[in-house]
Amino acid sequence: MPSEKTDQLITSTIENTLLHLYGVLAQSTRFVPITKRNDILVRYLKPKIKHPKYKAIKTEIRAMLAIARKNNGNLEQKLWELNKEATKYTFSGNDLQPLFELLTDIHHTHHFESMLLNKDKSIETDIIYINNEHFQQNFTDEGQQIAPLSLFITSSRTAELIDLINQSPGFKATLQSIDKITQQATIELSSYRLMNTYSL
């Protein structure tokens, strides 16, 4: 069985790879097909094979690349599957995985989509926007949240979204500002682990 550190590295690599993909997709104004998504993921992952940091998971990375290069391969889908499997070993300090799960659940059950903010694209209603640079700064490579994360949304359902987040076991949402005319709102999100750290 892989060591705990190896499991943490696998998990963080998968999560950062998905973040990279969605950061690139956020810059596109057109739908990006699976083949192009595979290319984006390969370009991100391939250099890590030779990087000393990823030596312990070189085999896993090669397996990911093989999936992307197969006919009809869908590495994005496989990464989500691997992400769920990796969390069986994920340590309790990881906040990124529960956040992914929370946003996915909110999307599927309450139709609040999430995406990285792209200043060149118009803002749509009922979509949770996250600043990619802010995201990267507020989480460590191991997935620990080290500072509150701002969520941006234009919606008449902002209060509903805050309630949904606060009903989750891992995160607390607080309304920071809202324009009652445009319905543009900023929500501050913190994991309970982060809040407990601040309170010590």
N, C-alpha and C. Protein backbone atom coordinates (compact mmCIF):
# COMPACT_ATOMS: atom_id res chain seq x y z
N MET A 1 0.85 -1.19 0.00
CA MET A 1 0.00 0.00 0.00
C MET A 1 0.88 1.24 0.00
N PRO A 2 0.53 2.27 -0.80
CA PRO A 2 1.34 3.49 -0.83
C PRO A 2 1.40 4.14 0.55
N SER A 3 2.50 4.87 0.79
CA SER A 3 2.64 5.58 2.05
C SER A 3 1.69 6.76 2.09
N GLU A 4 1.49 7.31 3.29
CA GLU A 4 0.58 8.45 3.43
C GLU A 4 1.07 9.64 2.62
N LYS A 5 2.39 9.89 2.62
CA LYS A 5 2.92 11.01 1.87
C LYS A 5 2.70 10.81 0.37
N THR A 6 2.85 9.56 -0.09
CA THR A 6 2.63 9.29 -1.50
C THR A 6 1.17 9.51 -1.87
N ASP A 7 0.26 9.06 -1.01
CA ASP A 7 -1.16 9.26 -1.24
C ASP A 7 -1.50 10.75 -1.31
N GLN A 8 -0.89 11.52 -0.41
CA GLN A 8 -1.13 12.97 -0.40
C GLN A 8 -0.63 13.60 -1.69
N LEU A 9 0.52 13.14 -2.18
CA LEU A 9 1.09 13.67 -3.41
C LEU A 9 0.22 13.32 -4.60
N ILE A 10 -0.29 12.10 -4.64
CA ILE A 10 -1.19 11.69 -5.72
C ILE A 10 -2.43 12.57 -5.73
N THR A 11 -3.02 12.75 -4.54
CA THR A 11 -4.24 13.54 -4.43
C THR A 11 -4.01 14.98 -4.86
N SER A 12 -2.95 15.60 -4.36
CA SER A 12 -2.69 17.01 -4.70
C SER A 12 -2.36 17.15 -6.19
N THR A 13 -1.66 16.17 -6.77
CA THR A 13 -1.32 16.23 -8.19
C THR A 13 -2.58 16.15 -9.04
N ILE A 14 -3.48 15.25 -8.69
CA ILE A 14 -4.75 15.12 -9.42
C ILE A 14 -5.55 16.41 -9.33
N GLU A 15 -5.66 16.95 -8.13
CA GLU A 15 -6.45 18.17 -7.93
C GLU A 15 -5.84 19.35 -8.66
N ASN A 16 -4.52 19.51 -8.59
CA ASN A 16 -3.86 20.61 -9.28
C ASN A 16 -3.94 20.46 -10.80
N THR A 17 -3.94 19.20 -11.27
CA THR A 17 -4.07 18.95 -12.71
C THR A 17 -5.45 19.37 -13.19
N LEU A 18 -6.48 19.03 -12.43
CA LEU A 18 -7.84 19.44 -12.79
C LEU A 18 -7.98 20.95 -12.73
N LEU A 19 -7.39 21.58 -11.72
CA LEU A 19 -7.42 23.03 -11.62
C LEU A 19 -6.76 23.68 -12.84
N HIS A 20 -5.64 23.12 -13.25
CA HIS A 20 -4.95 23.64 -14.43
C HIS A 20 -5.85 23.53 -15.66
N LEU A 21 -6.48 22.38 -15.83
CA LEU A 21 -7.36 22.18 -16.97
C LEU A 21 -8.46 23.24 -16.99
N TYR A 22 -9.13 23.43 -15.85
CA TYR A 22 -10.25 24.36 -15.82
C TYR A 22 -9.79 25.81 -15.94
N GLY A 23 -8.55 26.08 -15.51
CA GLY A 23 -7.99 27.41 -15.72
C GLY A 23 -7.80 27.70 -17.20
N VAL A 24 -7.31 26.70 -17.95
CA VAL A 24 -7.14 26.85 -19.40
C VAL A 24 -8.49 26.96 -20.09
N LEU A 25 -9.44 26.12 -19.68
CA LEU A 25 -10.77 26.15 -20.30
C LEU A 25 -11.46 27.48 -20.08
N ALA A 26 -11.19 28.11 -18.95
CA ALA A 26 -11.82 29.39 -18.63
C ALA A 26 -11.39 30.49 -19.60
N GLN A 27 -10.23 30.29 -20.25
CA GLN A 27 -9.74 31.28 -21.20
C GLN A 27 -10.35 31.12 -22.59
N SER A 28 -11.04 30.01 -22.81
CA SER A 28 -11.60 29.73 -24.13
C SER A 28 -13.05 30.18 -24.20
N THR A 29 -13.42 30.72 -25.34
CA THR A 29 -14.80 31.14 -25.55
C THR A 29 -15.61 30.05 -26.27
N ARG A 30 -14.93 28.96 -26.63
CA ARG A 30 -15.60 27.86 -27.33
C ARG A 30 -15.53 26.58 -26.50
N PHE A 31 -16.40 25.65 -26.82
CA PHE A 31 -16.37 24.35 -26.16
C PHE A 31 -15.08 23.63 -26.55
N VAL A 32 -14.43 23.04 -25.56
CA VAL A 32 -13.17 22.32 -25.80
C VAL A 32 -13.47 20.83 -25.75
N PRO A 33 -13.27 20.10 -26.85
CA PRO A 33 -13.60 18.66 -26.88
C PRO A 33 -12.63 17.83 -26.05
N ILE A 34 -12.99 16.58 -25.83
CA ILE A 34 -12.20 15.68 -24.98
C ILE A 34 -10.77 15.54 -25.49
N THR A 35 -10.60 15.43 -26.80
CA THR A 35 -9.24 15.25 -27.34
C THR A 35 -8.35 16.43 -26.99
N LYS A 36 -8.87 17.63 -27.09
CA LYS A 36 -8.09 18.83 -26.75
C LYS A 36 -7.84 18.89 -25.25
N ARG A 37 -8.83 18.47 -24.47
CA ARG A 37 -8.65 18.44 -23.01
C ARG A 37 -7.54 17.47 -22.63
N ASN A 38 -7.53 16.33 -23.32
CA ASN A 38 -6.45 15.36 -23.08
C ASN A 38 -5.08 15.98 -23.39
N ASP A 39 -5.01 16.74 -24.48
CA ASP A 39 -3.75 17.38 -24.86
C ASP A 39 -3.29 18.36 -23.78
N ILE A 40 -4.22 19.12 -23.25
CA ILE A 40 -3.90 20.09 -22.19
C ILE A 40 -3.36 19.37 -20.96
N LEU A 41 -4.00 18.28 -20.60
CA LEU A 41 -3.59 17.51 -19.42
C LEU A 41 -2.23 16.86 -19.63
N VAL A 42 -1.98 16.35 -20.83
CA VAL A 42 -0.68 15.73 -21.13
C VAL A 42 0.44 16.75 -21.02
N ARG A 43 0.22 17.93 -21.58
CA ARG A 43 1.26 18.97 -21.53
C ARG A 43 1.56 19.39 -20.09
N TYR A 44 0.57 19.32 -19.23
CA TYR A 44 0.77 19.69 -17.83
C TYR A 44 1.48 18.58 -17.06
N LEU A 45 1.09 17.34 -17.31
CA LEU A 45 1.60 16.21 -16.52
C LEU A 45 2.96 15.69 -16.99
N LYS A 46 3.20 15.71 -18.28
CA LYS A 46 4.41 15.07 -18.83
C LYS A 46 5.71 15.58 -18.19
N PRO A 47 5.91 16.89 -17.97
CA PRO A 47 7.16 17.35 -17.37
C PRO A 47 7.39 16.85 -15.95
N LYS A 48 6.32 16.46 -15.28
CA LYS A 48 6.44 16.03 -13.88
C LYS A 48 7.14 14.67 -13.76
N ILE A 49 7.17 13.90 -14.84
CA ILE A 49 7.83 12.59 -14.80
C ILE A 49 9.31 12.74 -14.44
N LYS A 50 9.93 13.81 -14.93
CA LYS A 50 11.36 14.02 -14.68
C LYS A 50 11.63 14.90 -13.47
N HIS A 51 10.58 15.38 -12.84
CA HIS A 51 10.76 16.27 -11.68
C HIS A 51 10.98 15.43 -10.43
N PRO A 52 12.02 15.73 -9.65
CA PRO A 52 12.31 14.94 -8.43
C PRO A 52 11.15 14.85 -7.45
N LYS A 53 10.36 15.90 -7.39
CA LYS A 53 9.25 15.92 -6.43
C LYS A 53 8.27 14.79 -6.68
N TYR A 54 8.13 14.39 -7.96
CA TYR A 54 7.11 13.40 -8.33
C TYR A 54 7.70 12.01 -8.58
N LYS A 55 8.92 11.79 -8.14
CA LYS A 55 9.58 10.51 -8.37
C LYS A 55 8.77 9.35 -7.81
N ALA A 56 8.17 9.54 -6.64
CA ALA A 56 7.44 8.45 -5.98
C ALA A 56 6.16 8.06 -6.71
N ILE A 57 5.64 8.96 -7.55
CA ILE A 57 4.38 8.66 -8.25
C ILE A 57 4.57 8.69 -9.77
N LYS A 58 5.82 8.46 -10.22
CA LYS A 58 6.12 8.47 -11.64
C LYS A 58 5.26 7.44 -12.39
N THR A 59 5.09 6.26 -11.79
CA THR A 59 4.28 5.21 -12.42
C THR A 59 2.84 5.65 -12.60
N GLU A 60 2.30 6.29 -11.57
CA GLU A 60 0.92 6.76 -11.64
C GLU A 60 0.74 7.83 -12.71
N ILE A 61 1.73 8.72 -12.82
CA ILE A 61 1.64 9.77 -13.84
C ILE A 61 1.71 9.17 -15.23
N ARG A 62 2.59 8.18 -15.42
CA ARG A 62 2.68 7.51 -16.73
C ARG A 62 1.35 6.84 -17.08
N ALA A 63 0.70 6.27 -16.08
CA ALA A 63 -0.60 5.64 -16.33
C ALA A 63 -1.65 6.67 -16.76
N MET A 64 -1.59 7.84 -16.14
CA MET A 64 -2.52 8.92 -16.52
C MET A 64 -2.28 9.34 -17.96
N LEU A 65 -1.01 9.49 -18.33
CA LEU A 65 -0.67 9.90 -19.69
C LEU A 65 -1.12 8.84 -20.71
N ALA A 66 -1.00 7.57 -20.35
CA ALA A 66 -1.42 6.50 -21.24
C ALA A 66 -2.92 6.56 -21.53
N ILE A 67 -3.69 6.91 -20.50
CA ILE A 67 -5.14 7.03 -20.68
C ILE A 67 -5.45 8.14 -21.68
N ALA A 68 -4.75 9.27 -21.53
CA ALA A 68 -5.01 10.42 -22.41
C ALA A 68 -4.66 10.11 -23.86
N ARG A 69 -3.70 9.21 -24.08
CA ARG A 69 -3.23 8.92 -25.44
C ARG A 69 -4.00 7.79 -26.11
N LYS A 70 -4.87 7.14 -25.37
CA LYS A 70 -5.68 6.06 -25.95
C LYS A 70 -6.77 6.64 -26.84
N ASN A 71 -7.17 5.85 -27.83
CA ASN A 71 -8.35 6.22 -28.61
C ASN A 71 -9.57 6.22 -27.70
N ASN A 72 -10.32 7.29 -27.75
CA ASN A 72 -11.51 7.46 -26.90
C ASN A 72 -11.14 7.58 -25.42
N GLY A 73 -9.88 7.85 -25.11
CA GLY A 73 -9.49 8.05 -23.73
C GLY A 73 -10.02 9.37 -23.19
N ASN A 74 -10.41 9.37 -21.94
CA ASN A 74 -10.94 10.58 -21.30
C ASN A 74 -10.24 10.75 -19.96
N LEU A 75 -9.10 11.43 -19.97
CA LEU A 75 -8.31 11.57 -18.75
C LEU A 75 -9.01 12.42 -17.70
N GLU A 76 -9.74 13.43 -18.14
CA GLU A 76 -10.46 14.28 -17.18
C GLU A 76 -11.41 13.44 -16.33
N GLN A 77 -12.20 12.59 -16.98
CA GLN A 77 -13.13 11.72 -16.26
C GLN A 77 -12.38 10.78 -15.33
N LYS A 78 -11.26 10.22 -15.83
CA LYS A 78 -10.47 9.28 -15.03
C LYS A 78 -9.87 9.98 -13.81
N LEU A 79 -9.46 11.22 -13.96
CA LEU A 79 -8.88 11.95 -12.83
C LEU A 79 -9.91 12.14 -11.72
N TRP A 80 -11.15 12.40 -12.11
CA TRP A 80 -12.19 12.52 -11.08
C TRP A 80 -12.41 11.18 -10.37
N GLU A 81 -12.35 10.09 -11.12
CA GLU A 81 -12.50 8.76 -10.51
C GLU A 81 -11.32 8.48 -9.58
N LEU A 82 -10.12 8.79 -10.03
CA LEU A 82 -8.93 8.59 -9.20
C LEU A 82 -8.96 9.48 -7.97
N ASN A 83 -9.51 10.65 -8.14
CA ASN A 83 -9.60 11.59 -7.02
C ASN A 83 -10.44 11.01 -5.89
N LYS A 84 -11.56 10.40 -6.26
CA LYS A 84 -12.41 9.78 -5.24
C LYS A 84 -11.70 8.60 -4.58
N GLU A 85 -10.98 7.82 -5.38
CA GLU A 85 -10.25 6.67 -4.84
C GLU A 85 -9.13 7.13 -3.91
N ALA A 86 -8.44 8.19 -4.31
CA ALA A 86 -7.31 8.68 -3.51
C ALA A 86 -7.75 9.19 -2.16
N THR A 87 -8.98 9.68 -2.06
CA THR A 87 -9.43 10.23 -0.79
C THR A 87 -9.63 9.17 0.28
N LYS A 88 -9.60 7.91 -0.10
CA LYS A 88 -9.66 6.86 0.91
C LYS A 88 -8.47 6.96 1.85
N TYR A 89 -7.36 7.52 1.35
CA TYR A 89 -6.14 7.64 2.14
C TYR A 89 -5.81 9.09 2.50
N THR A 90 -6.68 10.02 2.06
CA THR A 90 -6.37 11.43 2.26
C THR A 90 -6.40 11.80 3.73
N PHE A 91 -5.40 12.57 4.17
CA PHE A 91 -5.33 12.95 5.57
C PHE A 91 -6.33 14.05 5.87
N SER A 92 -6.66 14.21 7.16
CA SER A 92 -7.75 15.08 7.57
C SER A 92 -7.48 16.55 7.31
N GLY A 93 -6.22 16.93 7.07
CA GLY A 93 -5.91 18.33 6.84
C GLY A 93 -6.19 18.79 5.43
N ASN A 94 -6.65 17.90 4.56
CA ASN A 94 -6.92 18.27 3.17
C ASN A 94 -8.29 18.94 3.08
N ASP A 95 -8.30 20.21 2.64
CA ASP A 95 -9.55 20.95 2.49
C ASP A 95 -10.00 21.00 1.04
N LEU A 96 -9.08 20.78 0.11
CA LEU A 96 -9.39 20.94 -1.30
C LEU A 96 -10.34 19.87 -1.79
N GLN A 97 -10.12 18.62 -1.39
CA GLN A 97 -11.00 17.54 -1.81
C GLN A 97 -12.44 17.75 -1.34
N PRO A 98 -12.68 18.05 -0.05
CA PRO A 98 -14.06 18.31 0.37
C PRO A 98 -14.69 19.49 -0.37
N LEU A 99 -13.87 20.50 -0.72
CA LEU A 99 -14.40 21.64 -1.46
C LEU A 99 -14.83 21.22 -2.85
N PHE A 100 -14.02 20.41 -3.53
CA PHE A 100 -14.42 19.88 -4.84
C PHE A 100 -15.74 19.13 -4.74
N GLU A 101 -15.84 18.28 -3.73
CA GLU A 101 -17.06 17.48 -3.56
C GLU A 101 -18.26 18.37 -3.28
N LEU A 102 -18.07 19.41 -2.46
CA LEU A 102 -19.16 20.33 -2.13
C LEU A 102 -19.65 21.06 -3.38
N LEU A 103 -18.72 21.61 -4.16
CA LEU A 103 -19.10 22.35 -5.35
C LEU A 103 -19.76 21.44 -6.39
N THR A 104 -19.28 20.21 -6.49
CA THR A 104 -19.88 19.25 -7.42
C THR A 104 -21.30 18.91 -7.00
N ASP A 105 -21.50 18.70 -5.70
CA ASP A 105 -22.84 18.37 -5.19
C ASP A 105 -23.80 19.54 -5.39
N ILE A 106 -23.33 20.75 -5.11
CA ILE A 106 -24.18 21.94 -5.28
C ILE A 106 -24.57 22.10 -6.75
N HIS A 107 -23.64 21.79 -7.63
CA HIS A 107 -23.92 21.89 -9.06
C HIS A 107 -24.98 20.87 -9.48
N HIS A 108 -24.80 19.63 -9.07
CA HIS A 108 -25.69 18.56 -9.51
C HIS A 108 -27.08 18.66 -8.90
N THR A 109 -27.15 19.06 -7.65
CA THR A 109 -28.45 19.05 -6.96
C THR A 109 -29.16 20.40 -6.92
N HIS A 110 -28.40 21.49 -7.06
CA HIS A 110 -29.03 22.82 -6.96
C HIS A 110 -28.69 23.74 -8.12
N HIS A 111 -27.95 23.21 -9.11
CA HIS A 111 -27.71 23.91 -10.38
C HIS A 111 -26.92 25.21 -10.23
N PHE A 112 -26.00 25.24 -9.27
CA PHE A 112 -25.02 26.31 -9.18
C PHE A 112 -23.71 25.78 -9.78
N GLU A 113 -23.42 26.19 -11.00
CA GLU A 113 -22.16 25.76 -11.62
C GLU A 113 -21.00 26.55 -11.03
N SER A 114 -19.81 25.99 -11.06
CA SER A 114 -18.61 26.68 -10.58
C SER A 114 -17.59 26.75 -11.70
N MET A 115 -16.89 27.88 -11.79
CA MET A 115 -15.81 28.00 -12.77
C MET A 115 -14.83 29.07 -12.33
N LEU A 116 -13.63 29.01 -12.92
CA LEU A 116 -12.62 30.01 -12.63
C LEU A 116 -12.96 31.29 -13.36
N LEU A 117 -12.70 32.40 -12.72
CA LEU A 117 -13.03 33.72 -13.25
C LEU A 117 -12.17 34.04 -14.46
N ASN A 118 -12.81 34.51 -15.51
CA ASN A 118 -12.12 34.95 -16.72
C ASN A 118 -12.63 36.35 -17.05
N LYS A 119 -11.76 37.35 -16.90
CA LYS A 119 -12.17 38.73 -17.09
C LYS A 119 -12.57 39.04 -18.53
N ASP A 120 -12.18 38.18 -19.47
CA ASP A 120 -12.52 38.40 -20.87
C ASP A 120 -13.88 37.81 -21.25
N LYS A 121 -14.51 37.11 -20.31
CA LYS A 121 -15.81 36.51 -20.58
C LYS A 121 -16.86 37.18 -19.70
N SER A 122 -18.06 37.32 -20.23
CA SER A 122 -19.13 37.98 -19.49
C SER A 122 -19.58 37.10 -18.32
N ILE A 123 -20.03 37.76 -17.26
CA ILE A 123 -20.50 37.08 -16.07
C ILE A 123 -21.91 36.56 -16.30
N GLU A 124 -22.15 35.31 -15.97
CA GLU A 124 -23.47 34.72 -16.10
C GLU A 124 -24.10 34.51 -14.72
N THR A 125 -25.41 34.48 -14.70
CA THR A 125 -26.11 34.33 -13.43
C THR A 125 -26.04 32.89 -12.92
N ASP A 126 -26.10 32.76 -11.60
CA ASP A 126 -26.13 31.47 -10.90
C ASP A 126 -24.88 30.63 -11.14
N ILE A 127 -23.78 31.28 -11.45
CA ILE A 127 -22.49 30.59 -11.58
C ILE A 127 -21.55 31.12 -10.50
N ILE A 128 -20.93 30.21 -9.76
CA ILE A 128 -19.97 30.57 -8.73
C ILE A 128 -18.62 30.78 -9.40
N TYR A 129 -18.07 31.98 -9.29
CA TYR A 129 -16.78 32.29 -9.90
C TYR A 129 -15.69 32.33 -8.83
N ILE A 130 -14.54 31.77 -9.18
CA ILE A 130 -13.40 31.74 -8.27
C ILE A 130 -12.20 32.30 -9.01
N ASN A 131 -11.50 33.23 -8.38
CA ASN A 131 -10.28 33.78 -8.96
C ASN A 131 -9.18 32.74 -8.89
N ASN A 132 -8.63 32.34 -10.04
CA ASN A 132 -7.65 31.26 -10.08
C ASN A 132 -6.40 31.59 -9.27
N GLU A 133 -5.89 32.81 -9.40
CA GLU A 133 -4.69 33.19 -8.66
C GLU A 133 -4.96 33.16 -7.15
N HIS A 134 -6.12 33.66 -6.77
CA HIS A 134 -6.53 33.64 -5.37
C HIS A 134 -6.62 32.20 -4.87
N PHE A 135 -7.17 31.35 -5.72
CA PHE A 135 -7.33 29.93 -5.38
C PHE A 135 -5.97 29.29 -5.11
N GLN A 136 -5.04 29.52 -6.03
CA GLN A 136 -3.72 28.92 -5.90
C GLN A 136 -3.00 29.41 -4.65
N GLN A 137 -3.17 30.68 -4.31
CA GLN A 137 -2.49 31.26 -3.16
C GLN A 137 -3.06 30.77 -1.83
N ASN A 138 -4.33 30.43 -1.83
CA ASN A 138 -5.02 30.13 -0.57
C ASN A 138 -5.03 28.66 -0.20
N PHE A 139 -4.41 27.82 -1.05
CA PHE A 139 -4.30 26.40 -0.76
C PHE A 139 -2.85 25.96 -0.95
N THR A 140 -2.37 25.14 -0.05
CA THR A 140 -1.02 24.59 -0.18
C THR A 140 -1.04 23.45 -1.19
N ASP A 141 0.14 22.96 -1.57
CA ASP A 141 0.22 21.82 -2.49
C ASP A 141 -0.42 20.58 -1.90
N GLU A 142 -0.51 20.51 -0.57
CA GLU A 142 -1.12 19.36 0.10
C GLU A 142 -2.63 19.52 0.26
N GLY A 143 -3.18 20.64 -0.21
CA GLY A 143 -4.62 20.83 -0.17
C GLY A 143 -5.15 21.52 1.06
N GLN A 144 -4.29 22.06 1.90
CA GLN A 144 -4.74 22.77 3.09
C GLN A 144 -5.10 24.20 2.75
N GLN A 145 -6.26 24.64 3.21
CA GLN A 145 -6.65 26.04 3.03
C GLN A 145 -5.91 26.88 4.06
N ILE A 146 -5.25 27.93 3.61
CA ILE A 146 -4.45 28.76 4.52
C ILE A 146 -4.98 30.19 4.62
N ALA A 147 -6.02 30.50 3.85
CA ALA A 147 -6.66 31.81 3.92
C ALA A 147 -8.07 31.69 3.36
N PRO A 148 -9.00 32.54 3.83
CA PRO A 148 -10.37 32.49 3.30
C PRO A 148 -10.40 32.69 1.79
N LEU A 149 -11.34 32.04 1.13
CA LEU A 149 -11.47 32.09 -0.32
C LEU A 149 -12.72 32.89 -0.68
N SER A 150 -12.56 33.82 -1.63
CA SER A 150 -13.70 34.62 -2.08
C SER A 150 -14.41 33.94 -3.24
N LEU A 151 -15.72 33.85 -3.13
CA LEU A 151 -16.57 33.35 -4.21
C LEU A 151 -17.39 34.51 -4.73
N PHE A 152 -17.53 34.60 -6.04
CA PHE A 152 -18.28 35.70 -6.65
C PHE A 152 -19.47 35.12 -7.40
N ILE A 153 -20.63 35.74 -7.23
CA ILE A 153 -21.82 35.22 -7.90
C ILE A 153 -22.80 36.36 -8.16
N THR A 154 -23.50 36.27 -9.28
CA THR A 154 -24.60 37.17 -9.58
C THR A 154 -25.86 36.32 -9.62
N SER A 155 -26.71 36.50 -8.62
CA SER A 155 -27.85 35.60 -8.49
C SER A 155 -28.88 36.15 -7.51
N SER A 156 -30.12 35.78 -7.74
CA SER A 156 -31.18 36.09 -6.78
C SER A 156 -31.24 35.02 -5.70
N ARG A 157 -30.36 34.00 -5.82
CA ARG A 157 -30.37 32.84 -4.91
C ARG A 157 -29.11 32.80 -4.02
N THR A 158 -28.49 33.95 -3.83
CA THR A 158 -27.26 33.98 -3.04
C THR A 158 -27.47 33.46 -1.63
N ALA A 159 -28.58 33.86 -1.01
CA ALA A 159 -28.85 33.40 0.35
C ALA A 159 -29.01 31.89 0.39
N GLU A 160 -29.62 31.32 -0.64
CA GLU A 160 -29.77 29.87 -0.74
C GLU A 160 -28.41 29.19 -0.83
N LEU A 161 -27.52 29.76 -1.64
CA LEU A 161 -26.18 29.19 -1.80
C LEU A 161 -25.43 29.21 -0.47
N ILE A 162 -25.50 30.31 0.24
CA ILE A 162 -24.82 30.40 1.54
C ILE A 162 -25.36 29.35 2.51
N ASP A 163 -26.67 29.17 2.51
CA ASP A 163 -27.28 28.16 3.38
C ASP A 163 -26.80 26.76 3.01
N LEU A 164 -26.69 26.49 1.73
CA LEU A 164 -26.24 25.17 1.28
C LEU A 164 -24.81 24.89 1.74
N ILE A 165 -23.95 25.89 1.62
CA ILE A 165 -22.57 25.72 2.05
C ILE A 165 -22.51 25.51 3.56
N ASN A 166 -23.29 26.28 4.29
CA ASN A 166 -23.26 26.20 5.75
C ASN A 166 -23.89 24.92 6.29
N GLN A 167 -24.67 24.24 5.47
CA GLN A 167 -25.21 22.95 5.86
C GLN A 167 -24.21 21.82 5.64
N SER A 168 -23.13 22.11 4.93
CA SER A 168 -22.10 21.10 4.70
C SER A 168 -21.26 20.94 5.96
N PRO A 169 -20.63 19.79 6.13
CA PRO A 169 -19.87 19.54 7.36
C PRO A 169 -18.50 20.21 7.41
N GLY A 170 -18.01 20.73 6.27
CA GLY A 170 -16.62 21.17 6.26
C GLY A 170 -16.37 22.66 6.09
N PHE A 171 -17.41 23.43 5.69
CA PHE A 171 -17.14 24.82 5.32
C PHE A 171 -18.18 25.79 5.88
N LYS A 172 -17.72 27.03 6.06
CA LYS A 172 -18.56 28.12 6.53
C LYS A 172 -18.54 29.24 5.50
N ALA A 173 -19.72 29.72 5.10
CA ALA A 173 -19.82 30.80 4.12
C ALA A 173 -20.40 32.04 4.80
N THR A 174 -19.81 33.19 4.48
CA THR A 174 -20.28 34.46 5.03
C THR A 174 -20.42 35.48 3.90
N LEU A 175 -21.55 36.15 3.85
CA LEU A 175 -21.77 37.18 2.84
C LEU A 175 -20.91 38.40 3.16
N GLN A 176 -20.04 38.78 2.23
CA GLN A 176 -19.16 39.93 2.43
C GLN A 176 -19.75 41.20 1.85
N SER A 177 -20.39 41.09 0.70
CA SER A 177 -21.00 42.26 0.08
C SER A 177 -22.01 41.81 -0.96
N ILE A 178 -23.00 42.69 -1.23
CA ILE A 178 -23.98 42.40 -2.27
C ILE A 178 -24.54 43.71 -2.80
N ASP A 179 -24.69 43.78 -4.12
CA ASP A 179 -25.32 44.92 -4.77
C ASP A 179 -26.77 44.53 -5.04
N LYS A 180 -27.69 45.17 -4.35
CA LYS A 180 -29.09 44.78 -4.44
C LYS A 180 -29.69 45.04 -5.81
N ILE A 181 -29.06 45.90 -6.59
CA ILE A 181 -29.57 46.21 -7.93
C ILE A 181 -29.07 45.17 -8.93
N THR A 182 -27.76 44.95 -8.96
CA THR A 182 -27.19 44.00 -9.92
C THR A 182 -27.19 42.57 -9.41
N GLN A 183 -27.39 42.40 -8.08
CA GLN A 183 -27.37 41.10 -7.41
C GLN A 183 -25.99 40.44 -7.45
N GLN A 184 -24.96 41.24 -7.65
CA GLN A 184 -23.59 40.73 -7.60
C GLN A 184 -23.16 40.65 -6.14
N ALA A 185 -22.65 39.48 -5.76
CA ALA A 185 -22.30 39.25 -4.36
C ALA A 185 -20.92 38.63 -4.23
N THR A 186 -20.29 38.89 -3.09
CA THR A 186 -19.03 38.26 -2.73
C THR A 186 -19.23 37.47 -1.45
N ILE A 187 -18.85 36.21 -1.49
CA ILE A 187 -19.00 35.31 -0.34
C ILE A 187 -17.62 34.87 0.11
N GLU A 188 -17.37 34.93 1.40
CA GLU A 188 -16.10 34.44 1.95
C GLU A 188 -16.31 33.01 2.45
N LEU A 189 -15.46 32.10 1.99
CA LEU A 189 -15.58 30.70 2.35
C LEU A 189 -14.33 30.23 3.09
N SER A 190 -14.54 29.59 4.23
CA SER A 190 -13.43 29.06 5.02
C SER A 190 -13.77 27.66 5.48
N SER A 191 -12.77 26.79 5.50
CA SER A 191 -12.96 25.46 6.08
C SER A 191 -12.99 25.59 7.59
N TYR A 192 -13.67 24.66 8.25
CA TYR A 192 -13.71 24.70 9.71
C TYR A 192 -12.32 24.45 10.30
N ARG A 193 -11.49 23.68 9.55
CA ARG A 193 -10.13 23.46 10.03
C ARG A 193 -9.37 24.78 10.06
N LEU A 194 -9.54 25.60 9.00
CA LEU A 194 -8.89 26.91 8.96
C LEU A 194 -9.41 27.81 10.06
N MET A 195 -10.71 27.81 10.30
CA MET A 195 -11.30 28.63 11.34
C MET A 195 -10.79 28.23 12.72
N ASN A 196 -10.64 26.93 12.92
CA ASN A 196 -10.13 26.45 14.20
C ASN A 196 -8.67 26.86 14.38
N THR A 197 -7.92 26.90 13.28
CA THR A 197 -6.51 27.32 13.35
C THR A 197 -6.44 28.78 13.77
N TYR A 198 -7.32 29.62 13.21
CA TYR A 198 -7.33 31.04 13.56
C TYR A 198 -7.70 31.26 15.01
N SER A 199 -8.56 30.37 15.53
CA SER A 199 -9.05 30.57 16.89
C SER A 199 -8.07 30.13 17.96
N LEU A 200 -7.01 29.40 17.55
CA LEU A 200 -6.03 28.92 18.54
C LEU A 200 -5.18 30.06 19.06
